[in-house]
């Protein structure tokens, strides 16, 4: 009964309800003998349905996330953290400030704090305020690191970068200024392949340290894995964005 309720919720909310609506329109168009329109609407429903399946999204994203694994031994001279989103004016009473990190960035910050505790290497934060209504990611991340006990003297910032390409360019300038030559790159596993490629274009040899994994390496087959859901669609969207970004990085 629990699984039936979960499946019912999935079907009744987007994208499930949109897929059902598209199929209904396709049937109506077929009755009207609008065969080309029926085919196009049916293909749209099929594409949305497959893209929204958790199994499909997980498989696609897993192929990106498993390209790098965290090294058993951390060796380098600076921890470079790429941020990934923050709100602008949400309350954060624990650190006595405004703006909060997205889940992806928070996971990255937690990882770099743990690495700092074990290595005592300096930290370089890279990421700025991408939109007018989002927060400055590096500044908010720094606030959290200070709250976690990292001394301010150990934190450097690039709080201007707006994308991964700028992360690499601005980080390179700071690495040169500080004399750091062996950066350990920390970002979400889904974002690592594209990030490494941007740093490689600048001939910066980084040690990838992926974190914030989303996909499951081993999937256990069940009906729910093939029922379209918003989470499945989100996973697929993340994967496609990374594939597109990786393609653009390789060809620019």
C-alpha atoms as a PDB file:
ATOM      1  CA  UNK A   1       0.000   0.000   0.000  1.00  0.00           C
ATOM      2  CA  UNK A   2       2.857   2.380   0.817  1.00  0.00           C
ATOM      3  CA  UNK A   3       4.439   1.808  -2.594  1.00  0.00           C
ATOM      4  CA  UNK A   4       1.098   2.227  -4.349  1.00  0.00           C
ATOM      5  CA  UNK A   5       0.579   5.570  -2.612  1.00  0.00           C
ATOM      6  CA  UNK A   6       4.077   6.741  -3.601  1.00  0.00           C
ATOM      7  CA  UNK A   7       3.456   5.722  -7.217  1.00  0.00           C
ATOM      8  CA  UNK A   8       0.086   7.502  -7.208  1.00  0.00           C
ATOM      9  CA  UNK A   9       1.713  10.702  -5.925  1.00  0.00           C
ATOM     10  CA  UNK A  10       4.389  10.454  -8.603  1.00  0.00           C
ATOM     11  CA  UNK A  11       1.829  10.087 -11.383  1.00  0.00           C
ATOM     12  CA  UNK A  12      -0.470  12.853 -10.129  1.00  0.00           C
ATOM     13  CA  UNK A  13       2.302  15.472  -9.835  1.00  0.00           C
ATOM     14  CA  UNK A  14       4.579  16.807 -12.595  1.00  0.00           C
ATOM     15  CA  UNK A  15       6.040  15.399 -14.705  1.00  0.00           C
ATOM     16  CA  UNK A  16       3.695  12.405 -14.395  1.00  0.00           C
ATOM     17  CA  UNK A  17       0.492  14.402 -14.857  1.00  0.00           C
ATOM     18  CA  UNK A  18       2.022  16.226 -17.854  1.00  0.00           C
ATOM     19  CA  UNK A  19       2.897  12.918 -19.508  1.00  0.00           C
ATOM     20  CA  UNK A  20      -0.676  11.681 -18.990  1.00  0.00           C
ATOM     21  CA  UNK A  21      -2.010  14.932 -20.455  1.00  0.00           C
ATOM     22  CA  UNK A  22       0.250  14.596 -23.518  1.00  0.00           C
ATOM     23  CA  UNK A  23      -0.926  11.019 -24.057  1.00  0.00           C
ATOM     24  CA  UNK A  24      -4.547  12.135 -23.783  1.00  0.00           C
ATOM     25  CA  UNK A  25      -3.927  14.854 -26.380  1.00  0.00           C
ATOM     26  CA  UNK A  26      -2.217  12.315 -28.649  1.00  0.00           C
ATOM     27  CA  UNK A  27      -5.256  10.013 -28.455  1.00  0.00           C
ATOM     28  CA  UNK A  28      -7.585  12.930 -29.216  1.00  0.00           C
ATOM     29  CA  UNK A  29      -5.446  13.958 -32.207  1.00  0.00           C
ATOM     30  CA  UNK A  30      -5.461  10.372 -33.465  1.00  0.00           C
ATOM     31  CA  UNK A  31      -9.247  10.370 -33.406  1.00  0.00           C
ATOM     32  CA  UNK A  32      -9.126  13.577 -35.452  1.00  0.00           C
ATOM     33  CA  UNK A  33      -6.802  11.765 -37.891  1.00  0.00           C
ATOM     34  CA  UNK A  34      -4.058  14.295 -37.252  1.00  0.00           C
ATOM     35  CA  UNK A  35      -1.377  11.643 -37.553  1.00  0.00           C
ATOM     36  CA  UNK A  36       1.703  13.870 -37.731  1.00  0.00           C
ATOM     37  CA  UNK A  37       0.587  15.863 -34.698  1.00  0.00           C
ATOM     38  CA  UNK A  38      -0.216  12.586 -32.918  1.00  0.00           C
ATOM     39  CA  UNK A  39       3.306  11.329 -33.615  1.00  0.00           C
ATOM     40  CA  UNK A  40       4.966  14.529 -32.399  1.00  0.00           C
ATOM     41  CA  UNK A  41       2.935  14.721 -29.181  1.00  0.00           C
ATOM     42  CA  UNK A  42       3.489  11.020 -28.561  1.00  0.00           C
ATOM     43  CA  UNK A  43       7.253  11.419 -29.029  1.00  0.00           C
ATOM     44  CA  UNK A  44       7.224  14.363 -26.616  1.00  0.00           C
ATOM     45  CA  UNK A  45       5.443  12.214 -24.016  1.00  0.00           C
ATOM     46  CA  UNK A  46       7.918   9.371 -24.571  1.00  0.00           C
ATOM     47  CA  UNK A  47      10.945  11.677 -24.305  1.00  0.00           C
ATOM     48  CA  UNK A  48       9.649  13.286 -21.128  1.00  0.00           C
ATOM     49  CA  UNK A  49       8.742   9.907 -19.687  1.00  0.00           C
ATOM     50  CA  UNK A  50      12.139   8.310 -20.296  1.00  0.00           C
ATOM     51  CA  UNK A  51      14.012  11.425 -19.135  1.00  0.00           C
ATOM     52  CA  UNK A  52      12.014  11.390 -15.904  1.00  0.00           C
ATOM     53  CA  UNK A  53      12.703   7.753 -15.042  1.00  0.00           C
ATOM     54  CA  UNK A  54      15.026   7.549 -12.001  1.00  0.00           C
ATOM     55  CA  UNK A  55      16.788   4.541 -13.540  1.00  0.00           C
ATOM     56  CA  UNK A  56      17.648   6.457 -16.711  1.00  0.00           C
ATOM     57  CA  UNK A  57      18.769   9.603 -14.886  1.00  0.00           C
ATOM     58  CA  UNK A  58      20.874   7.663 -12.389  1.00  0.00           C
ATOM     59  CA  UNK A  59      22.579   5.659 -15.149  1.00  0.00           C
ATOM     60  CA  UNK A  60      23.363   8.802 -17.136  1.00  0.00           C
ATOM     61  CA  UNK A  61      24.695  10.747 -14.157  1.00  0.00           C
ATOM     62  CA  UNK A  62      26.667   7.776 -12.855  1.00  0.00           C
ATOM     63  CA  UNK A  63      28.695   7.744 -16.061  1.00  0.00           C
ATOM     64  CA  UNK A  64      29.831  11.296 -15.222  1.00  0.00           C
ATOM     65  CA  UNK A  65      30.285  10.929 -11.465  1.00  0.00           C
ATOM     66  CA  UNK A  66      32.482   7.812 -11.626  1.00  0.00           C
ATOM     67  CA  UNK A  67      35.163   9.329 -13.849  1.00  0.00           C
ATOM     68  CA  UNK A  68      37.140  10.384 -10.780  1.00  0.00           C
ATOM     69  CA  UNK A  69      37.381   8.966  -7.279  1.00  0.00           C
ATOM     70  CA  UNK A  70      38.749  10.623  -4.117  1.00  0.00           C
ATOM     71  CA  UNK A  71      42.428   9.737  -3.606  1.00  0.00           C
ATOM     72  CA  UNK A  72      43.301   7.546  -0.634  1.00  0.00           C
ATOM     73  CA  UNK A  73      46.167   9.891   0.242  1.00  0.00           C
ATOM     74  CA  UNK A  74      45.728  13.647  -0.088  1.00  0.00           C
ATOM     75  CA  UNK A  75      48.876  15.258  -1.441  1.00  0.00           C
ATOM     76  CA  UNK A  76      49.083  18.908  -2.464  1.00  0.00           C
ATOM     77  CA  UNK A  77      49.680  22.430  -1.193  1.00  0.00           C
ATOM     78  CA  UNK A  78      46.216  24.052  -1.359  1.00  0.00           C
ATOM     79  CA  UNK A  79      42.564  22.981  -1.205  1.00  0.00           C
ATOM     80  CA  UNK A  80      40.635  24.609  -4.061  1.00  0.00           C
ATOM     81  CA  UNK A  81      36.871  24.590  -3.529  1.00  0.00           C
ATOM     82  CA  UNK A  82      34.502  25.459  -6.375  1.00  0.00           C
ATOM     83  CA  UNK A  83      31.166  26.702  -5.065  1.00  0.00           C
ATOM     84  CA  UNK A  84      27.797  25.855  -6.595  1.00  0.00           C
ATOM     85  CA  UNK A  85      25.018  28.154  -5.481  1.00  0.00           C
ATOM     86  CA  UNK A  86      23.692  30.200  -2.567  1.00  0.00           C
ATOM     87  CA  UNK A  87      20.582  32.160  -1.660  1.00  0.00           C
ATOM     88  CA  UNK A  88      20.796  35.918  -1.169  1.00  0.00           C
ATOM     89  CA  UNK A  89      18.730  36.994   1.813  1.00  0.00           C
ATOM     90  CA  UNK A  90      17.573  33.891   3.683  1.00  0.00           C
ATOM     91  CA  UNK A  91      18.325  33.991   7.426  1.00  0.00           C
ATOM     92  CA  UNK A  92      21.298  32.065   8.808  1.00  0.00           C
ATOM     93  CA  UNK A  93      21.239  32.546  12.587  1.00  0.00           C
ATOM     94  CA  UNK A  94      23.980  29.985  13.261  1.00  0.00           C
ATOM     95  CA  UNK A  95      26.623  32.040  11.445  1.00  0.00           C
ATOM     96  CA  UNK A  96      24.895  35.389  12.110  1.00  0.00           C
ATOM     97  CA  UNK A  97      24.529  36.373   8.494  1.00  0.00           C
ATOM     98  CA  UNK A  98      22.197  36.350   5.515  1.00  0.00           C
ATOM     99  CA  UNK A  99      22.227  33.960   2.606  1.00  0.00           C
ATOM    100  CA  UNK A 100      22.517  30.200   2.703  1.00  0.00           C
ATOM    101  CA  UNK A 101      24.445  27.635   0.713  1.00  0.00           C
ATOM    102  CA  UNK A 102      22.646  25.259  -1.628  1.00  0.00           C
ATOM    103  CA  UNK A 103      22.898  21.572  -0.783  1.00  0.00           C
ATOM    104  CA  UNK A 104      25.637  21.001  -3.359  1.00  0.00           C
ATOM    105  CA  UNK A 105      27.815  23.824  -2.053  1.00  0.00           C
ATOM    106  CA  UNK A 106      27.187  22.881   1.577  1.00  0.00           C
ATOM    107  CA  UNK A 107      28.396  19.327   0.879  1.00  0.00           C
ATOM    108  CA  UNK A 108      31.545  20.702  -0.763  1.00  0.00           C
ATOM    109  CA  UNK A 109      32.193  23.034   2.174  1.00  0.00           C
ATOM    110  CA  UNK A 110      31.818  20.178   4.639  1.00  0.00           C
ATOM    111  CA  UNK A 111      34.333  18.125   2.636  1.00  0.00           C
ATOM    112  CA  UNK A 112      36.890  20.921   2.499  1.00  0.00           C
ATOM    113  CA  UNK A 113      36.479  21.530   6.243  1.00  0.00           C
ATOM    114  CA  UNK A 114      37.181  17.857   6.920  1.00  0.00           C
ATOM    115  CA  UNK A 115      40.186  17.913   4.606  1.00  0.00           C
ATOM    116  CA  UNK A 116      41.500  21.029   6.322  1.00  0.00           C
ATOM    117  CA  UNK A 117      41.199  19.350   9.704  1.00  0.00           C
ATOM    118  CA  UNK A 118      43.331  16.414   8.525  1.00  0.00           C
ATOM    119  CA  UNK A 119      45.849  18.293   6.348  1.00  0.00           C
ATOM    120  CA  UNK A 120      45.921  21.908   7.625  1.00  0.00           C
ATOM    121  CA  UNK A 121      46.395  23.004   4.006  1.00  0.00           C
ATOM    122  CA  UNK A 122      45.247  26.512   3.039  1.00  0.00           C
ATOM    123  CA  UNK A 123      41.847  26.844   1.376  1.00  0.00           C
ATOM    124  CA  UNK A 124      41.028  28.763  -1.799  1.00  0.00           C
ATOM    125  CA  UNK A 125      37.318  29.416  -2.402  1.00  0.00           C
ATOM    126  CA  UNK A 126      36.182  30.189  -5.948  1.00  0.00           C
ATOM    127  CA  UNK A 127      32.702  31.424  -6.861  1.00  0.00           C
ATOM    128  CA  UNK A 128      30.882  34.735  -6.822  1.00  0.00           C
ATOM    129  CA  UNK A 129      27.369  36.144  -7.057  1.00  0.00           C
ATOM    130  CA  UNK A 130      26.019  34.643 -10.271  1.00  0.00           C
ATOM    131  CA  UNK A 131      22.642  36.427 -10.378  1.00  0.00           C
ATOM    132  CA  UNK A 132      21.235  39.563  -8.758  1.00  0.00           C
ATOM    133  CA  UNK A 133      18.956  37.508  -6.533  1.00  0.00           C
ATOM    134  CA  UNK A 134      21.541  34.905  -5.445  1.00  0.00           C
ATOM    135  CA  UNK A 135      24.191  35.165  -2.753  1.00  0.00           C
ATOM    136  CA  UNK A 136      27.929  35.566  -3.077  1.00  0.00           C
ATOM    137  CA  UNK A 137      28.923  31.926  -2.796  1.00  0.00           C
ATOM    138  CA  UNK A 138      32.524  32.290  -1.626  1.00  0.00           C
ATOM    139  CA  UNK A 139      31.692  34.870   1.009  1.00  0.00           C
ATOM    140  CA  UNK A 140      28.921  32.702   2.462  1.00  0.00           C
ATOM    141  CA  UNK A 141      31.108  29.586   2.266  1.00  0.00           C
ATOM    142  CA  UNK A 142      33.848  31.440   4.122  1.00  0.00           C
ATOM    143  CA  UNK A 143      31.381  32.370   6.864  1.00  0.00           C
ATOM    144  CA  UNK A 144      30.526  28.714   7.341  1.00  0.00           C
ATOM    145  CA  UNK A 145      34.153  27.612   7.355  1.00  0.00           C
ATOM    146  CA  UNK A 146      34.912  30.173  10.064  1.00  0.00           C
ATOM    147  CA  UNK A 147      31.987  28.794  12.071  1.00  0.00           C
ATOM    148  CA  UNK A 148      33.460  25.306  11.643  1.00  0.00           C
ATOM    149  CA  UNK A 149      36.725  26.441  13.184  1.00  0.00           C
ATOM    150  CA  UNK A 150      38.870  27.155  10.134  1.00  0.00           C
ATOM    151  CA  UNK A 151      41.039  30.225  10.852  1.00  0.00           C
ATOM    152  CA  UNK A 152      40.547  33.218   8.573  1.00  0.00           C
ATOM    153  CA  UNK A 153      44.272  33.295   7.835  1.00  0.00           C
ATOM    154  CA  UNK A 154      43.917  29.925   6.082  1.00  0.00           C
ATOM    155  CA  UNK A 155      41.192  31.094   3.674  1.00  0.00           C
ATOM    156  CA  UNK A 156      41.746  32.891   0.358  1.00  0.00           C
ATOM    157  CA  UNK A 157      38.917  33.874  -1.972  1.00  0.00           C
ATOM    158  CA  UNK A 158      38.007  34.417  -5.564  1.00  0.00           C
ATOM    159  CA  UNK A 159      34.524  35.841  -5.060  1.00  0.00           C
ATOM    160  CA  UNK A 160      34.089  37.093  -8.638  1.00  0.00           C
ATOM    161  CA  UNK A 161      33.811  33.944 -10.787  1.00  0.00           C
ATOM    162  CA  UNK A 162      30.449  33.355 -12.448  1.00  0.00           C
ATOM    163  CA  UNK A 163      31.057  29.971 -14.113  1.00  0.00           C
ATOM    164  CA  UNK A 164      33.497  27.060 -14.210  1.00  0.00           C
ATOM    165  CA  UNK A 165      35.682  28.645 -16.880  1.00  0.00           C
ATOM    166  CA  UNK A 166      36.125  31.768 -14.744  1.00  0.00           C
ATOM    167  CA  UNK A 167      36.772  29.551 -11.703  1.00  0.00           C
ATOM    168  CA  UNK A 168      39.793  28.116 -13.489  1.00  0.00           C
ATOM    169  CA  UNK A 169      41.092  31.444 -14.820  1.00  0.00           C
ATOM    170  CA  UNK A 170      40.755  33.325 -11.532  1.00  0.00           C
ATOM    171  CA  UNK A 171      42.123  30.419  -9.521  1.00  0.00           C
ATOM    172  CA  UNK A 172      45.172  30.293 -11.765  1.00  0.00           C
ATOM    173  CA  UNK A 173      45.935  33.931 -10.967  1.00  0.00           C
ATOM    174  CA  UNK A 174      45.748  33.313  -7.218  1.00  0.00           C
ATOM    175  CA  UNK A 175      47.815  30.127  -7.445  1.00  0.00           C
ATOM    176  CA  UNK A 176      50.528  32.084  -9.229  1.00  0.00           C
ATOM    177  CA  UNK A 177      50.339  34.941  -6.715  1.00  0.00           C
ATOM    178  CA  UNK A 178      50.586  32.598  -3.721  1.00  0.00           C
ATOM    179  CA  UNK A 179      53.122  30.253  -5.243  1.00  0.00           C
ATOM    180  CA  UNK A 180      50.869  27.193  -4.944  1.00  0.00           C
ATOM    181  CA  UNK A 181      51.714  24.503  -7.487  1.00  0.00           C
ATOM    182  CA  UNK A 182      49.786  21.368  -6.418  1.00  0.00           C
ATOM    183  CA  UNK A 183      46.087  22.240  -6.004  1.00  0.00           C
ATOM    184  CA  UNK A 184      43.580  19.686  -4.742  1.00  0.00           C
ATOM    185  CA  UNK A 185      40.290  20.370  -6.523  1.00  0.00           C
ATOM    186  CA  UNK A 186      37.091  19.865  -4.535  1.00  0.00           C
ATOM    187  CA  UNK A 187      33.683  19.983  -6.192  1.00  0.00           C
ATOM    188  CA  UNK A 188      30.602  17.815  -6.648  1.00  0.00           C
ATOM    189  CA  UNK A 189      31.260  14.507  -8.405  1.00  0.00           C
ATOM    190  CA  UNK A 190      28.911  15.422 -11.263  1.00  0.00           C
ATOM    191  CA  UNK A 191      30.825  18.684 -11.790  1.00  0.00           C
ATOM    192  CA  UNK A 192      34.345  17.257 -11.563  1.00  0.00           C
ATOM    193  CA  UNK A 193      34.933  16.130 -15.165  1.00  0.00           C
ATOM    194  CA  UNK A 194      34.016  19.543 -16.571  1.00  0.00           C
ATOM    195  CA  UNK A 195      36.047  21.323 -13.896  1.00  0.00           C
ATOM    196  CA  UNK A 196      39.180  19.253 -14.522  1.00  0.00           C
ATOM    197  CA  UNK A 197      38.886  19.932 -18.247  1.00  0.00           C
ATOM    198  CA  UNK A 198      38.768  23.712 -17.660  1.00  0.00           C
ATOM    199  CA  UNK A 199      41.877  23.551 -15.462  1.00  0.00           C
ATOM    200  CA  UNK A 200      43.676  21.303 -17.960  1.00  0.00           C
ATOM    201  CA  UNK A 201      43.073  23.901 -20.679  1.00  0.00           C
ATOM    202  CA  UNK A 202      45.157  26.301 -18.569  1.00  0.00           C
ATOM    203  CA  UNK A 203      47.776  23.573 -17.992  1.00  0.00           C
ATOM    204  CA  UNK A 204      46.985  23.411 -14.273  1.00  0.00           C
ATOM    205  CA  UNK A 205      47.588  19.925 -12.927  1.00  0.00           C
ATOM    206  CA  UNK A 206      44.953  19.369 -10.246  1.00  0.00           C
ATOM    207  CA  UNK A 207      44.276  16.441  -7.929  1.00  0.00           C
ATOM    208  CA  UNK A 208      40.524  15.748  -8.255  1.00  0.00           C
ATOM    209  CA  UNK A 209      38.679  15.193  -4.971  1.00  0.00           C
ATOM    210  CA  UNK A 210      35.012  14.636  -5.901  1.00  0.00           C
ATOM    211  CA  UNK A 211      32.293  14.819  -3.261  1.00  0.00           C
ATOM    212  CA  UNK A 212      28.497  15.285  -3.055  1.00  0.00           C
ATOM    213  CA  UNK A 213      27.618  12.171  -5.057  1.00  0.00           C
ATOM    214  CA  UNK A 214      24.028  12.001  -6.324  1.00  0.00           C
ATOM    215  CA  UNK A 215      23.836   8.779  -8.337  1.00  0.00           C
ATOM    216  CA  UNK A 216      23.933   5.266  -6.962  1.00  0.00           C
ATOM    217  CA  UNK A 217      26.669   3.000  -8.276  1.00  0.00           C
ATOM    218  CA  UNK A 218      24.521  -0.099  -7.872  1.00  0.00           C
ATOM    219  CA  UNK A 219      20.848   0.195  -8.707  1.00  0.00           C
ATOM    220  CA  UNK A 220      18.356  -2.328  -7.390  1.00  0.00           C
ATOM    221  CA  UNK A 221      15.611  -2.744  -9.945  1.00  0.00           C
ATOM    222  CA  UNK A 222      12.083  -1.960  -8.820  1.00  0.00           C
ATOM    223  CA  UNK A 223       8.932  -0.535 -10.359  1.00  0.00           C
ATOM    224  CA  UNK A 224       9.613   2.866  -8.792  1.00  0.00           C
ATOM    225  CA  UNK A 225      12.853   3.185 -10.800  1.00  0.00           C
ATOM    226  CA  UNK A 226      10.797   3.291 -13.997  1.00  0.00           C
ATOM    227  CA  UNK A 227       7.975   5.559 -12.815  1.00  0.00           C
ATOM    228  CA  UNK A 228       8.607   9.142 -14.083  1.00  0.00           C
ATOM    229  CA  UNK A 229       9.306  11.565 -11.243  1.00  0.00           C
ATOM    230  CA  UNK A 230      10.549  15.104 -10.712  1.00  0.00           C
ATOM    231  CA  UNK A 231      13.688  13.781  -9.005  1.00  0.00           C
ATOM    232  CA  UNK A 232      14.412  11.533 -11.978  1.00  0.00           C
ATOM    233  CA  UNK A 233      13.997  14.457 -14.353  1.00  0.00           C
ATOM    234  CA  UNK A 234      16.270  16.607 -12.180  1.00  0.00           C
ATOM    235  CA  UNK A 235      19.006  13.944 -12.228  1.00  0.00           C
ATOM    236  CA  UNK A 236      18.777  13.651 -16.006  1.00  0.00           C
ATOM    237  CA  UNK A 237      18.926  17.441 -16.375  1.00  0.00           C
ATOM    238  CA  UNK A 238      22.077  17.656 -14.243  1.00  0.00           C
ATOM    239  CA  UNK A 239      23.743  14.937 -16.314  1.00  0.00           C
ATOM    240  CA  UNK A 240      22.822  16.525 -19.654  1.00  0.00           C
ATOM    241  CA  UNK A 241      24.075  19.918 -18.472  1.00  0.00           C
ATOM    242  CA  UNK A 242      27.429  18.384 -17.557  1.00  0.00           C
ATOM    243  CA  UNK A 243      27.723  16.522 -20.861  1.00  0.00           C
ATOM    244  CA  UNK A 244      26.984  19.756 -22.723  1.00  0.00           C
ATOM    245  CA  UNK A 245      29.463  21.722 -20.589  1.00  0.00           C
ATOM    246  CA  UNK A 246      32.145  19.066 -21.105  1.00  0.00           C
ATOM    247  CA  UNK A 247      31.564  19.131 -24.856  1.00  0.00           C
ATOM    248  CA  UNK A 248      31.833  22.931 -24.917  1.00  0.00           C
ATOM    249  CA  UNK A 249      35.024  22.866 -22.807  1.00  0.00           C
ATOM    250  CA  UNK A 250      36.656  20.403 -25.186  1.00  0.00           C
ATOM    251  CA  UNK A 251      35.775  22.374 -28.288  1.00  0.00           C
ATOM    252  CA  UNK A 252      36.543  25.950 -27.189  1.00  0.00           C
END
